[in-house]
Amino acid sequence: MSDKESSDRRSFIKLCAGAAATAASYPETLIGSVGSGEFFNRTLLLDNTGHPLRASRLIQDQSYVFFYPFISTPCFLIRLDRQVKAVIRLQTALGEEYEWTGGAGQNQQIVAFSAICAHKMSHPTSQVSFINYRREEVQFAGADRKFHKRSGVIFCCSEGSVYDPA
């Protein structure tokens, strides 16, 4: 082993030892924030003219794509043809409970949903979108291994996945 390799190896071991000592002294740097949730800044959605997007201007049963909380995480914004009024108890990954109270807007018709398929990670791009909101009826295989038809769903044709936006 040459002196340079030995020196590089020693430097690397010192760096690792220093990192381990830092992690042992400040373990919170490894686990990050373990509070009740991760909060992101509010954002203002704009229309194609640069003005704030108004709920009343959303076309019913049309999906709009926006990116939140990161530029790499597309989401659908949809004004459904029906009111979404519900109180559903959910849990965070840490087991903390919270309630989802249904759609937003005057008639509780507006919902937002991740536009990334959980199965194949398909997502809308400017060239093609394998996942989208379908107001028309789509056919899919259910958990019972039978074919079903349903309209008003988010459908991913790359895996045949169906998501209920309401």
N, C-alpha and C. Protein backbone atom coordinates (compact mmCIF):
# COMPACT_ATOMS: atom_id res chain seq x y z
N MET A 1 0.85 -1.17 0.00
CA MET A 1 0.00 0.00 0.00
C MET A 1 0.89 1.24 0.00
N SER A 2 0.62 2.18 -0.87
CA SER A 2 1.45 3.38 -0.95
C SER A 2 1.13 4.33 0.20
N ASP A 3 2.03 5.30 0.41
CA ASP A 3 1.82 6.29 1.47
C ASP A 3 0.56 7.12 1.21
N LYS A 4 0.28 7.42 -0.07
CA LYS A 4 -0.90 8.22 -0.41
C LYS A 4 -2.17 7.45 -0.06
N GLU A 5 -2.24 6.15 -0.42
CA GLU A 5 -3.41 5.35 -0.10
C GLU A 5 -3.60 5.24 1.41
N SER A 6 -2.49 5.06 2.13
CA SER A 6 -2.54 4.96 3.59
C SER A 6 -3.05 6.27 4.19
N SER A 7 -2.57 7.40 3.66
CA SER A 7 -3.00 8.71 4.14
C SER A 7 -4.48 8.94 3.84
N ASP A 8 -4.91 8.57 2.63
CA ASP A 8 -6.32 8.72 2.26
C ASP A 8 -7.21 7.85 3.14
N ARG A 9 -6.75 6.66 3.42
CA ARG A 9 -7.51 5.74 4.26
C ARG A 9 -7.62 6.30 5.68
N ARG A 10 -6.52 6.82 6.22
CA ARG A 10 -6.52 7.42 7.55
C ARG A 10 -7.47 8.62 7.60
N SER A 11 -7.43 9.46 6.59
CA SER A 11 -8.32 10.63 6.54
C SER A 11 -9.78 10.19 6.51
N PHE A 12 -10.06 9.16 5.74
CA PHE A 12 -11.44 8.66 5.65
C PHE A 12 -11.91 8.12 7.00
N ILE A 13 -11.06 7.36 7.67
CA ILE A 13 -11.41 6.80 8.98
C ILE A 13 -11.63 7.92 10.00
N LYS A 14 -10.78 8.96 9.96
CA LYS A 14 -10.96 10.10 10.86
C LYS A 14 -12.29 10.80 10.58
N LEU A 15 -12.61 10.96 9.31
CA LEU A 15 -13.88 11.60 8.93
C LEU A 15 -15.06 10.79 9.45
N CYS A 16 -15.01 9.47 9.28
CA CYS A 16 -16.09 8.61 9.77
C CYS A 16 -16.20 8.66 11.28
N ALA A 17 -15.07 8.65 11.97
CA ALA A 17 -15.08 8.72 13.44
C ALA A 17 -15.67 10.05 13.90
N GLY A 18 -15.30 11.13 13.22
CA GLY A 18 -15.85 12.45 13.57
C GLY A 18 -17.35 12.51 13.34
N ALA A 19 -17.81 11.93 12.24
CA ALA A 19 -19.25 11.91 11.95
C ALA A 19 -20.00 11.08 12.98
N ALA A 20 -19.41 9.94 13.38
CA ALA A 20 -20.04 9.09 14.39
C ALA A 20 -20.11 9.80 15.73
N ALA A 21 -19.04 10.52 16.10
CA ALA A 21 -19.03 11.26 17.37
C ALA A 21 -20.08 12.37 17.34
N THR A 22 -20.20 13.06 16.22
CA THR A 22 -21.21 14.12 16.09
C THR A 22 -22.61 13.53 16.21
N ALA A 23 -22.85 12.43 15.53
CA ALA A 23 -24.17 11.79 15.59
C ALA A 23 -24.49 11.32 17.00
N ALA A 24 -23.48 10.81 17.71
CA ALA A 24 -23.71 10.35 19.08
C ALA A 24 -24.00 11.53 20.00
N SER A 25 -23.36 12.68 19.74
CA SER A 25 -23.58 13.86 20.57
C SER A 25 -24.91 14.54 20.28
N TYR A 26 -25.35 14.50 19.02
CA TYR A 26 -26.58 15.16 18.59
C TYR A 26 -27.43 14.18 17.79
N PRO A 27 -28.04 13.18 18.43
CA PRO A 27 -28.79 12.16 17.69
C PRO A 27 -29.99 12.71 16.94
N GLU A 28 -30.49 13.88 17.35
CA GLU A 28 -31.64 14.45 16.64
C GLU A 28 -31.31 14.83 15.21
N THR A 29 -30.01 14.99 14.90
CA THR A 29 -29.65 15.28 13.52
C THR A 29 -29.91 14.10 12.61
N LEU A 30 -29.91 12.89 13.17
CA LEU A 30 -30.17 11.70 12.37
C LEU A 30 -31.65 11.48 12.13
N ILE A 31 -32.47 11.77 13.12
CA ILE A 31 -33.90 11.46 12.99
C ILE A 31 -34.72 12.66 12.56
N GLY A 32 -34.12 13.83 12.49
CA GLY A 32 -34.85 15.00 12.05
C GLY A 32 -35.93 15.38 13.04
N SER A 33 -36.91 16.07 12.56
CA SER A 33 -38.02 16.52 13.40
C SER A 33 -38.98 15.36 13.61
N VAL A 34 -39.25 15.03 14.83
CA VAL A 34 -40.17 13.95 15.14
C VAL A 34 -41.39 14.52 15.84
N GLY A 35 -41.78 15.70 15.45
CA GLY A 35 -42.94 16.33 16.06
C GLY A 35 -44.22 15.69 15.58
N SER A 36 -45.29 16.43 15.64
CA SER A 36 -46.59 15.89 15.28
C SER A 36 -46.80 15.83 13.77
N GLY A 37 -45.89 16.33 13.01
CA GLY A 37 -46.03 16.27 11.56
C GLY A 37 -45.07 17.25 10.93
N GLU A 38 -44.94 17.14 9.65
CA GLU A 38 -44.07 18.06 8.94
C GLU A 38 -44.96 19.08 8.25
N PHE A 39 -44.71 20.34 8.55
CA PHE A 39 -45.54 21.39 8.00
C PHE A 39 -44.82 22.06 6.84
N PHE A 40 -45.58 22.40 5.83
CA PHE A 40 -45.03 23.07 4.66
C PHE A 40 -45.71 24.41 4.51
N ASN A 41 -45.05 25.33 3.85
CA ASN A 41 -45.62 26.65 3.64
C ASN A 41 -46.88 26.57 2.80
N ARG A 42 -47.79 27.48 3.06
CA ARG A 42 -48.98 27.58 2.22
C ARG A 42 -48.54 28.08 0.86
N THR A 43 -49.33 27.77 -0.13
CA THR A 43 -48.99 28.22 -1.48
C THR A 43 -50.23 28.80 -2.14
N LEU A 44 -50.03 29.65 -3.09
CA LEU A 44 -51.13 30.27 -3.82
C LEU A 44 -51.14 29.70 -5.23
N LEU A 45 -52.23 29.06 -5.62
CA LEU A 45 -52.35 28.53 -6.97
C LEU A 45 -52.81 29.64 -7.89
N LEU A 46 -52.18 29.72 -9.05
CA LEU A 46 -52.50 30.76 -10.02
C LEU A 46 -53.11 30.15 -11.27
N ASP A 47 -53.96 30.93 -11.94
CA ASP A 47 -54.53 30.46 -13.20
C ASP A 47 -53.53 30.74 -14.32
N ASN A 48 -53.92 30.45 -15.56
CA ASN A 48 -52.97 30.60 -16.67
C ASN A 48 -52.68 32.06 -17.02
N THR A 49 -53.38 33.01 -16.39
CA THR A 49 -53.08 34.43 -16.61
C THR A 49 -52.28 35.02 -15.46
N GLY A 50 -51.96 34.19 -14.45
CA GLY A 50 -51.18 34.65 -13.32
C GLY A 50 -52.00 35.20 -12.17
N HIS A 51 -53.31 35.08 -12.26
CA HIS A 51 -54.19 35.54 -11.18
C HIS A 51 -54.50 34.38 -10.23
N PRO A 52 -54.83 34.70 -8.97
CA PRO A 52 -55.17 33.63 -8.03
C PRO A 52 -56.31 32.76 -8.56
N LEU A 53 -56.16 31.46 -8.42
CA LEU A 53 -57.17 30.52 -8.87
C LEU A 53 -58.36 30.58 -7.93
N ARG A 54 -59.53 30.78 -8.46
CA ARG A 54 -60.76 30.87 -7.67
C ARG A 54 -61.54 29.57 -7.78
N ALA A 55 -62.09 29.13 -6.67
CA ALA A 55 -62.88 27.89 -6.65
C ALA A 55 -64.02 27.96 -7.66
N SER A 56 -64.64 29.10 -7.78
CA SER A 56 -65.78 29.25 -8.69
C SER A 56 -65.39 29.12 -10.16
N ARG A 57 -64.11 29.26 -10.47
CA ARG A 57 -63.65 29.17 -11.86
C ARG A 57 -63.20 27.77 -12.25
N LEU A 58 -63.14 26.87 -11.29
CA LEU A 58 -62.74 25.50 -11.60
C LEU A 58 -63.85 24.80 -12.38
N ILE A 59 -63.50 24.16 -13.47
CA ILE A 59 -64.47 23.43 -14.28
C ILE A 59 -64.75 22.09 -13.61
N GLN A 60 -66.01 21.79 -13.47
CA GLN A 60 -66.42 20.54 -12.81
C GLN A 60 -65.90 19.32 -13.56
N ASP A 61 -65.41 18.34 -12.82
CA ASP A 61 -64.90 17.07 -13.34
C ASP A 61 -63.68 17.22 -14.24
N GLN A 62 -62.93 18.27 -14.06
CA GLN A 62 -61.67 18.43 -14.79
C GLN A 62 -60.54 18.45 -13.76
N SER A 63 -59.46 17.74 -14.06
CA SER A 63 -58.33 17.74 -13.12
C SER A 63 -57.33 18.81 -13.52
N TYR A 64 -56.83 19.49 -12.52
CA TYR A 64 -55.77 20.48 -12.69
C TYR A 64 -54.55 19.93 -11.97
N VAL A 65 -53.39 20.06 -12.57
CA VAL A 65 -52.16 19.56 -11.94
C VAL A 65 -51.41 20.74 -11.33
N PHE A 66 -51.03 20.57 -10.06
CA PHE A 66 -50.16 21.53 -9.40
C PHE A 66 -49.12 20.75 -8.62
N PHE A 67 -48.06 21.41 -8.22
CA PHE A 67 -46.96 20.73 -7.54
C PHE A 67 -46.87 21.23 -6.10
N TYR A 68 -47.00 20.28 -5.15
CA TYR A 68 -46.95 20.65 -3.74
C TYR A 68 -46.66 19.42 -2.90
N PRO A 69 -45.84 19.47 -1.93
CA PRO A 69 -45.11 20.63 -1.42
C PRO A 69 -43.78 20.86 -2.14
N PHE A 70 -43.40 19.95 -3.04
CA PHE A 70 -42.16 20.11 -3.79
C PHE A 70 -42.46 20.17 -5.28
N ILE A 71 -41.55 20.70 -6.06
CA ILE A 71 -41.73 20.79 -7.50
C ILE A 71 -41.79 19.41 -8.14
N SER A 72 -41.33 18.40 -7.43
CA SER A 72 -41.32 17.03 -7.95
C SER A 72 -42.51 16.20 -7.48
N THR A 73 -43.48 16.81 -6.80
CA THR A 73 -44.63 16.04 -6.31
C THR A 73 -45.92 16.61 -6.89
N PRO A 74 -46.34 16.08 -8.04
CA PRO A 74 -47.57 16.57 -8.67
C PRO A 74 -48.81 16.13 -7.90
N CYS A 75 -49.80 17.00 -7.92
CA CYS A 75 -51.09 16.73 -7.27
C CYS A 75 -52.21 17.11 -8.23
N PHE A 76 -53.36 16.47 -8.05
CA PHE A 76 -54.56 16.84 -8.80
C PHE A 76 -55.43 17.74 -7.94
N LEU A 77 -56.00 18.74 -8.54
CA LEU A 77 -57.04 19.55 -7.93
C LEU A 77 -58.28 19.31 -8.77
N ILE A 78 -59.36 18.85 -8.14
CA ILE A 78 -60.55 18.45 -8.88
C ILE A 78 -61.80 19.02 -8.21
N ARG A 79 -62.65 19.63 -9.02
CA ARG A 79 -63.98 20.03 -8.55
C ARG A 79 -64.94 18.93 -9.00
N LEU A 80 -65.34 18.11 -8.05
CA LEU A 80 -66.19 16.96 -8.36
C LEU A 80 -67.62 17.40 -8.66
N ASP A 81 -68.41 16.48 -9.21
CA ASP A 81 -69.81 16.77 -9.52
C ASP A 81 -70.72 16.54 -8.32
N ARG A 82 -70.13 16.27 -7.18
CA ARG A 82 -70.92 15.98 -5.98
C ARG A 82 -70.23 16.57 -4.76
N GLN A 83 -71.02 16.75 -3.73
CA GLN A 83 -70.49 17.22 -2.46
C GLN A 83 -69.74 16.08 -1.77
N VAL A 84 -68.63 16.40 -1.17
CA VAL A 84 -67.86 15.41 -0.43
C VAL A 84 -67.89 15.85 1.03
N LYS A 85 -68.87 15.31 1.73
CA LYS A 85 -69.05 15.68 3.13
C LYS A 85 -68.86 14.42 3.95
N ALA A 86 -67.81 14.42 4.73
CA ALA A 86 -67.49 13.24 5.52
C ALA A 86 -66.64 13.64 6.70
N VAL A 87 -66.65 12.82 7.70
CA VAL A 87 -65.71 12.96 8.81
C VAL A 87 -65.01 11.61 8.92
N ILE A 88 -63.78 11.59 8.46
CA ILE A 88 -63.02 10.34 8.45
C ILE A 88 -61.82 10.50 9.37
N ARG A 89 -61.71 9.58 10.31
CA ARG A 89 -60.58 9.60 11.25
C ARG A 89 -59.39 8.89 10.59
N LEU A 90 -58.26 9.57 10.59
CA LEU A 90 -57.04 9.04 10.00
C LEU A 90 -55.91 9.08 11.03
N GLN A 91 -54.82 8.42 10.71
CA GLN A 91 -53.66 8.42 11.60
C GLN A 91 -52.40 8.75 10.82
N THR A 92 -51.53 9.50 11.47
CA THR A 92 -50.22 9.77 10.89
C THR A 92 -49.34 8.54 11.06
N ALA A 93 -48.17 8.56 10.46
CA ALA A 93 -47.23 7.45 10.60
C ALA A 93 -46.81 7.26 12.06
N LEU A 94 -46.93 8.32 12.85
CA LEU A 94 -46.57 8.24 14.27
C LEU A 94 -47.74 7.83 15.14
N GLY A 95 -48.90 7.56 14.52
CA GLY A 95 -50.06 7.10 15.26
C GLY A 95 -50.96 8.20 15.80
N GLU A 96 -50.67 9.45 15.47
CA GLU A 96 -51.51 10.56 15.93
C GLU A 96 -52.74 10.66 15.05
N GLU A 97 -53.90 10.85 15.67
CA GLU A 97 -55.16 10.90 14.93
C GLU A 97 -55.49 12.32 14.48
N TYR A 98 -56.15 12.39 13.34
CA TYR A 98 -56.69 13.65 12.85
C TYR A 98 -57.92 13.33 12.02
N GLU A 99 -58.71 14.36 11.68
CA GLU A 99 -59.94 14.14 10.91
C GLU A 99 -59.87 14.83 9.57
N TRP A 100 -60.36 14.15 8.56
CA TRP A 100 -60.57 14.75 7.25
C TRP A 100 -62.06 15.03 7.15
N THR A 101 -62.42 16.27 6.89
CA THR A 101 -63.84 16.65 6.93
C THR A 101 -64.45 16.82 5.55
N GLY A 102 -63.83 16.30 4.53
CA GLY A 102 -64.43 16.34 3.21
C GLY A 102 -63.85 17.42 2.32
N GLY A 103 -64.59 17.71 1.25
CA GLY A 103 -64.13 18.64 0.24
C GLY A 103 -64.09 20.08 0.71
N ALA A 104 -63.40 20.90 -0.07
CA ALA A 104 -63.28 22.33 0.22
C ALA A 104 -64.22 23.11 -0.70
N GLY A 105 -64.31 24.39 -0.47
CA GLY A 105 -65.15 25.25 -1.29
C GLY A 105 -66.55 25.36 -0.72
N GLN A 106 -67.32 26.26 -1.31
CA GLN A 106 -68.67 26.55 -0.83
C GLN A 106 -69.55 25.31 -0.76
N ASN A 107 -69.46 24.44 -1.74
CA ASN A 107 -70.29 23.24 -1.78
C ASN A 107 -69.52 21.97 -1.43
N GLN A 108 -68.35 22.11 -0.88
CA GLN A 108 -67.50 20.98 -0.49
C GLN A 108 -67.30 20.00 -1.65
N GLN A 109 -67.01 20.53 -2.84
CA GLN A 109 -66.80 19.71 -4.03
C GLN A 109 -65.34 19.60 -4.44
N ILE A 110 -64.47 20.40 -3.86
CA ILE A 110 -63.09 20.49 -4.33
C ILE A 110 -62.18 19.62 -3.47
N VAL A 111 -61.43 18.76 -4.14
CA VAL A 111 -60.50 17.87 -3.45
C VAL A 111 -59.13 17.96 -4.13
N ALA A 112 -58.10 17.63 -3.38
CA ALA A 112 -56.75 17.53 -3.92
C ALA A 112 -56.25 16.12 -3.61
N PHE A 113 -55.50 15.57 -4.54
CA PHE A 113 -55.07 14.18 -4.40
C PHE A 113 -53.70 14.05 -5.04
N SER A 114 -52.86 13.24 -4.47
CA SER A 114 -51.55 12.99 -5.05
C SER A 114 -51.71 12.46 -6.47
N ALA A 115 -50.90 12.96 -7.38
CA ALA A 115 -50.95 12.51 -8.77
C ALA A 115 -49.83 11.52 -9.07
N ILE A 116 -49.36 10.84 -8.03
CA ILE A 116 -48.32 9.82 -8.19
C ILE A 116 -48.94 8.48 -7.83
N CYS A 117 -48.94 7.55 -8.78
CA CYS A 117 -49.51 6.22 -8.51
C CYS A 117 -48.63 5.50 -7.49
N ALA A 118 -49.27 4.94 -6.49
CA ALA A 118 -48.53 4.25 -5.43
C ALA A 118 -47.92 2.93 -5.89
N HIS A 119 -48.34 2.40 -7.02
CA HIS A 119 -47.87 1.09 -7.47
C HIS A 119 -46.67 1.18 -8.41
N LYS A 120 -46.75 2.03 -9.41
CA LYS A 120 -45.67 2.13 -10.40
C LYS A 120 -44.99 3.50 -10.39
N MET A 121 -45.41 4.37 -9.47
CA MET A 121 -44.88 5.73 -9.38
C MET A 121 -45.14 6.53 -10.65
N SER A 122 -46.15 6.13 -11.43
CA SER A 122 -46.53 6.89 -12.63
C SER A 122 -47.04 8.25 -12.19
N HIS A 123 -46.77 9.25 -13.03
CA HIS A 123 -47.22 10.61 -12.72
C HIS A 123 -47.37 11.39 -14.02
N PRO A 124 -48.16 12.45 -14.00
CA PRO A 124 -48.35 13.22 -15.22
C PRO A 124 -47.06 13.95 -15.64
N THR A 125 -46.81 13.96 -16.94
CA THR A 125 -45.71 14.74 -17.50
C THR A 125 -46.27 15.56 -18.65
N SER A 126 -45.47 16.44 -19.19
CA SER A 126 -45.96 17.25 -20.31
C SER A 126 -46.15 16.41 -21.57
N GLN A 127 -45.48 15.24 -21.66
CA GLN A 127 -45.61 14.39 -22.84
C GLN A 127 -46.75 13.39 -22.73
N VAL A 128 -46.92 12.78 -21.56
CA VAL A 128 -47.92 11.72 -21.41
C VAL A 128 -48.32 11.61 -19.95
N SER A 129 -49.54 11.15 -19.73
CA SER A 129 -49.98 10.92 -18.36
C SER A 129 -50.73 9.60 -18.29
N PHE A 130 -50.18 8.65 -17.56
CA PHE A 130 -50.84 7.36 -17.38
C PHE A 130 -51.85 7.40 -16.25
N ILE A 131 -51.81 8.46 -15.45
CA ILE A 131 -52.73 8.60 -14.33
C ILE A 131 -53.48 9.92 -14.49
N ASN A 132 -54.81 9.84 -14.31
CA ASN A 132 -55.62 11.05 -14.43
C ASN A 132 -56.99 10.80 -13.85
N TYR A 133 -57.72 11.87 -13.61
CA TYR A 133 -59.10 11.78 -13.16
C TYR A 133 -59.96 11.44 -14.38
N ARG A 134 -60.82 10.46 -14.24
CA ARG A 134 -61.69 10.04 -15.35
C ARG A 134 -63.15 10.22 -14.94
N ARG A 135 -63.81 11.16 -15.56
CA ARG A 135 -65.24 11.32 -15.26
C ARG A 135 -66.05 10.23 -15.97
N GLU A 136 -65.52 9.73 -17.09
CA GLU A 136 -66.20 8.65 -17.81
C GLU A 136 -65.94 7.32 -17.11
N GLU A 137 -66.73 6.35 -17.41
CA GLU A 137 -66.63 5.04 -16.78
C GLU A 137 -65.36 4.32 -17.24
N VAL A 138 -64.65 3.73 -16.29
CA VAL A 138 -63.47 2.91 -16.59
C VAL A 138 -63.69 1.51 -16.02
N GLN A 139 -63.04 0.55 -16.64
CA GLN A 139 -63.14 -0.83 -16.17
C GLN A 139 -61.82 -1.20 -15.50
N PHE A 140 -61.94 -1.89 -14.37
CA PHE A 140 -60.74 -2.29 -13.64
C PHE A 140 -61.01 -3.58 -12.88
N ALA A 141 -59.94 -4.28 -12.54
CA ALA A 141 -60.05 -5.50 -11.75
C ALA A 141 -60.00 -5.13 -10.27
N GLY A 142 -60.98 -5.59 -9.53
CA GLY A 142 -61.05 -5.30 -8.10
C GLY A 142 -60.26 -6.30 -7.28
N ALA A 143 -60.23 -6.07 -5.97
CA ALA A 143 -59.53 -6.97 -5.06
C ALA A 143 -60.16 -8.36 -5.07
N ASP A 144 -61.43 -8.43 -5.49
CA ASP A 144 -62.12 -9.72 -5.57
C ASP A 144 -61.82 -10.46 -6.87
N ARG A 145 -60.91 -9.89 -7.68
CA ARG A 145 -60.48 -10.46 -8.97
C ARG A 145 -61.59 -10.49 -10.01
N LYS A 146 -62.59 -9.64 -9.84
CA LYS A 146 -63.66 -9.48 -10.82
C LYS A 146 -63.53 -8.10 -11.44
N PHE A 147 -64.08 -7.97 -12.65
CA PHE A 147 -64.05 -6.67 -13.30
C PHE A 147 -65.18 -5.80 -12.79
N HIS A 148 -64.86 -4.53 -12.60
CA HIS A 148 -65.83 -3.54 -12.13
C HIS A 148 -65.77 -2.34 -13.06
N LYS A 149 -66.84 -1.57 -13.08
CA LYS A 149 -66.88 -0.33 -13.84
C LYS A 149 -67.30 0.78 -12.90
N ARG A 150 -66.62 1.93 -13.05
CA ARG A 150 -66.94 3.06 -12.19
C ARG A 150 -66.49 4.34 -12.87
N SER A 151 -67.22 5.40 -12.64
CA SER A 151 -66.84 6.71 -13.17
C SER A 151 -66.45 7.62 -12.00
N GLY A 152 -65.84 8.76 -12.34
CA GLY A 152 -65.46 9.72 -11.31
C GLY A 152 -64.34 9.23 -10.41
N VAL A 153 -63.32 8.59 -11.01
CA VAL A 153 -62.21 8.06 -10.23
C VAL A 153 -60.88 8.53 -10.83
N ILE A 154 -59.83 8.42 -10.05
CA ILE A 154 -58.49 8.63 -10.56
C ILE A 154 -58.01 7.25 -10.98
N PHE A 155 -57.62 7.13 -12.25
CA PHE A 155 -57.28 5.83 -12.82
C PHE A 155 -55.86 5.88 -13.37
N CYS A 156 -55.08 4.86 -13.05
CA CYS A 156 -53.72 4.73 -13.58
C CYS A 156 -53.70 3.53 -14.50
N CYS A 157 -53.53 3.78 -15.79
CA CYS A 157 -53.58 2.67 -16.75
C CYS A 157 -52.28 1.87 -16.79
N SER A 158 -51.21 2.34 -16.17
CA SER A 158 -49.97 1.56 -16.19
C SER A 158 -50.06 0.35 -15.26
N GLU A 159 -50.94 0.39 -14.28
CA GLU A 159 -51.10 -0.73 -13.35
C GLU A 159 -52.56 -1.11 -13.17
N GLY A 160 -53.47 -0.30 -13.73
CA GLY A 160 -54.90 -0.56 -13.55
C GLY A 160 -55.40 -0.15 -12.18
N SER A 161 -54.67 0.74 -11.52
CA SER A 161 -55.04 1.19 -10.18
C SER A 161 -56.16 2.21 -10.23
N VAL A 162 -57.03 2.16 -9.23
CA VAL A 162 -58.16 3.07 -9.15
C VAL A 162 -58.16 3.71 -7.77
N TYR A 163 -58.33 5.03 -7.74
CA TYR A 163 -58.37 5.77 -6.48
C TYR A 163 -59.66 6.59 -6.45
N ASP A 164 -60.33 6.58 -5.32
CA ASP A 164 -61.55 7.36 -5.14
C ASP A 164 -61.15 8.73 -4.61
N PRO A 165 -61.35 9.80 -5.38
CA PRO A 165 -60.94 11.12 -4.91
C PRO A 165 -61.84 11.68 -3.81
N ALA A 166 -62.95 11.02 -3.58
CA ALA A 166 -63.87 11.51 -2.54
C ALA A 166 -63.74 10.65 -1.32
